[in-house]
Protein backbone atom coordinates (compact mmCIF):
# COMPACT_ATOMS: atom_id res chain seq x y z
CA LEU A 1 -20.31 16.57 23.85
CA SER A 2 -20.16 12.83 23.11
CA LEU A 3 -18.17 10.27 21.14
CA ARG A 4 -21.07 9.80 18.77
CA GLU A 5 -21.12 13.53 18.08
CA PHE A 6 -17.33 13.58 17.62
CA TRP A 7 -17.26 10.72 15.11
CA GLY A 8 -20.62 11.45 13.49
CA ARG A 9 -20.64 15.22 13.13
CA ARG A 10 -17.22 16.65 13.80
CA TYR A 11 -14.40 14.40 12.60
CA ASN A 12 -13.65 13.70 8.90
CA ARG A 13 -17.07 14.08 7.35
CA ILE A 14 -15.98 12.55 4.01
CA VAL A 15 -14.87 9.25 5.60
CA HIS A 16 -17.96 9.32 7.83
CA THR A 17 -20.21 9.58 4.80
CA ALA A 18 -18.36 6.84 2.91
CA LEU A 19 -18.49 4.43 5.88
CA LYS A 20 -22.12 5.28 6.59
CA GLU A 21 -23.24 4.62 3.02
CA SER A 22 -21.05 1.59 2.28
CA VAL A 23 -20.90 -0.20 5.66
CA PHE A 24 -23.30 1.14 8.30
CA GLU A 25 -26.53 1.36 6.27
CA PRO A 26 -26.24 -2.06 4.54
CA ILE A 27 -25.37 -3.80 7.84
CA ARG A 28 -28.14 -1.96 9.70
CA LEU A 29 -30.68 -2.95 7.05
CA GLU A 30 -29.48 -6.56 6.93
CA PHE A 31 -29.39 -7.16 10.68
CA SER A 32 -31.91 -4.50 11.82
CA SER A 33 -29.36 -3.29 14.34
CA PRO A 34 -27.67 0.11 14.32
CA THR A 35 -25.32 -1.17 17.04
CA ILE A 36 -23.95 -3.93 14.80
CA GLY A 37 -23.71 -1.46 11.91
CA ALA A 38 -21.77 1.06 14.00
CA LEU A 39 -19.41 -1.54 15.45
CA THR A 40 -18.77 -2.97 11.96
CA SER A 41 -18.03 0.54 10.66
CA PHE A 42 -15.44 1.08 13.38
CA ILE A 43 -13.89 -2.33 12.69
CA ILE A 44 -13.60 -1.55 8.96
CA SER A 45 -12.13 1.87 9.76
CA GLY A 46 -9.64 0.19 12.11
CA LEU A 47 -8.61 -2.25 9.37
CA PHE A 48 -8.13 0.64 6.92
CA HIS A 49 -5.93 2.45 9.43
CA VAL A 50 -3.95 -0.72 10.18
CA HIS A 51 -3.27 -1.13 6.46
CA THR A 52 -2.21 2.52 6.18
CA TRP A 53 0.13 2.21 9.19
CA LEU A 54 1.69 -0.95 7.75
CA VAL A 55 2.31 0.67 4.37
CA ALA A 56 3.39 4.09 5.67
CA PHE A 57 5.46 3.08 8.70
CA ASP A 58 6.28 -0.61 8.10
CA ASP A 59 5.74 -1.09 11.82
CA LYS A 60 3.95 -4.29 12.80
CA SER A 61 4.12 -3.45 16.51
CA SER A 62 1.61 -0.61 16.12
CA LEU A 63 -1.02 -2.62 14.23
CA LEU A 64 -2.87 -4.07 17.23
CA PRO A 65 -2.92 -0.78 19.22
CA THR A 66 -4.19 1.08 16.14
CA PHE A 67 -6.97 -1.45 15.58
CA MET A 68 -7.83 -1.46 19.30
CA PHE A 69 -8.28 2.33 19.22
CA PHE A 70 -11.09 2.03 16.68
CA PHE A 71 -12.56 -1.09 18.25
CA LEU A 72 -12.70 0.57 21.69
CA HIS A 73 -14.30 3.67 20.19
CA GLY A 74 -16.88 1.48 18.44
CA ILE A 75 -17.71 -0.25 21.72
CA ALA A 76 -17.88 3.09 23.57
CA CYS A 77 -20.20 4.57 20.92
CA SER A 78 -22.41 1.47 21.12
CA ILE A 79 -22.59 1.75 24.91
CA GLU A 80 -23.38 5.44 24.63
CA THR A 81 -26.16 4.73 22.12
CA ASN A 82 -27.78 2.12 24.35
CA MET A 83 -27.46 4.06 27.63
CA LYS A 84 -30.80 4.76 29.22
CA ILE A 85 -29.63 7.85 31.14
CA GLN A 86 -28.87 11.23 29.64
CA LEU A 87 -25.74 12.86 31.11
CA PRO A 88 -25.52 16.62 31.58
CA GLU A 89 -23.62 18.34 28.74
CA HIS A 90 -20.58 19.30 30.83
CA VAL A 91 -20.24 15.73 32.18
CA GLY A 92 -20.50 14.31 28.65
CA TRP A 93 -17.86 16.76 27.43
CA ILE A 94 -15.45 15.78 30.23
CA ILE A 95 -15.99 12.05 29.72
CA THR A 96 -15.61 12.34 25.93
CA HIS A 97 -12.38 14.34 26.08
CA THR A 98 -10.95 12.12 28.81
CA PHE A 99 -11.68 9.01 26.74
CA LEU A 100 -10.10 10.60 23.63
CA LEU A 101 -6.99 11.61 25.59
CA ILE A 102 -6.61 8.18 27.19
CA THR A 103 -7.05 6.23 23.94
CA SER A 104 -5.25 8.58 21.51
CA PRO A 105 -1.74 7.18 22.24
CA LEU A 106 -2.92 3.89 20.70
CA VAL A 107 -3.24 5.51 17.28
CA VAL A 108 -0.76 8.41 17.49
CA ARG A 109 2.30 6.41 18.58
CA PRO A 110 3.65 5.69 15.05
CA PHE A 111 3.62 9.40 14.23
CA ILE A 112 5.48 10.24 17.43
CA GLU A 113 8.06 7.46 17.13
CA LYS A 114 8.64 7.62 13.38
CA GLY A 115 7.48 11.15 12.63
CA SER A 116 10.74 12.74 11.57
CA PRO A 117 12.00 9.99 9.21
CA PHE A 118 8.53 9.69 7.72
CA LEU A 119 8.29 13.42 7.06
CA ILE A 120 11.84 13.54 5.66
CA LEU A 121 10.98 10.80 3.16
CA ASN A 122 7.51 12.20 2.49
CA PRO A 123 7.71 16.00 2.78
CA THR A 124 4.50 17.94 2.78
CA PRO A 125 3.83 19.80 -0.48
CA PHE A 126 4.93 23.41 -0.70
CA ILE A 127 7.19 23.22 2.38
CA ASN A 128 10.26 24.79 0.72
CA VAL A 129 8.75 26.50 -2.28
CA GLY A 130 10.27 29.90 -3.03
CA TRP A 131 7.15 31.53 -4.42
CA ILE A 132 5.27 31.17 -1.11
CA PRO A 133 6.18 34.17 1.07
CA LYS A 134 7.71 33.37 4.44
CA LEU A 135 6.78 35.78 7.20
CA PRO A 136 9.36 36.58 9.87
CA LEU A 137 8.68 35.55 13.47
CA PRO A 138 7.39 38.41 15.61
CA ASN A 139 9.55 39.56 18.52
CA PHE A 140 7.11 38.34 21.15
CA CYS A 141 7.14 34.69 20.02
CA PRO A 142 9.37 32.40 22.10
CA ARG A 143 12.07 30.60 20.14
């Protein structure tokens, strides 16, 4: 229903908890501002993702867009927190999903552009393991 709900309650609860306890709460207590704490948490998350992209994809061109994704989401969450009006649920849902769809190419681009070579060099575990049964495709599935 909102970006705050998406990042705070729905997406990657383990990372949320780690960032909340190690970044958000100390910053909020130091500066008495949840807005500064939230924005700092998104900046730290953006820096972690930038590091991961650099190590995994060795692609410097995607570093700024990846960081901007998290920075923009931090700003949007801060604006949402400080808004004085309460939007109807369906309007919030539409705005949230539109914002996610518009900004997602900033962070997904390395996977799209370098997905196949990355997965060839780093195959997922158990992809070609004989002891895991492989079910045949049903007749009604398009090929």
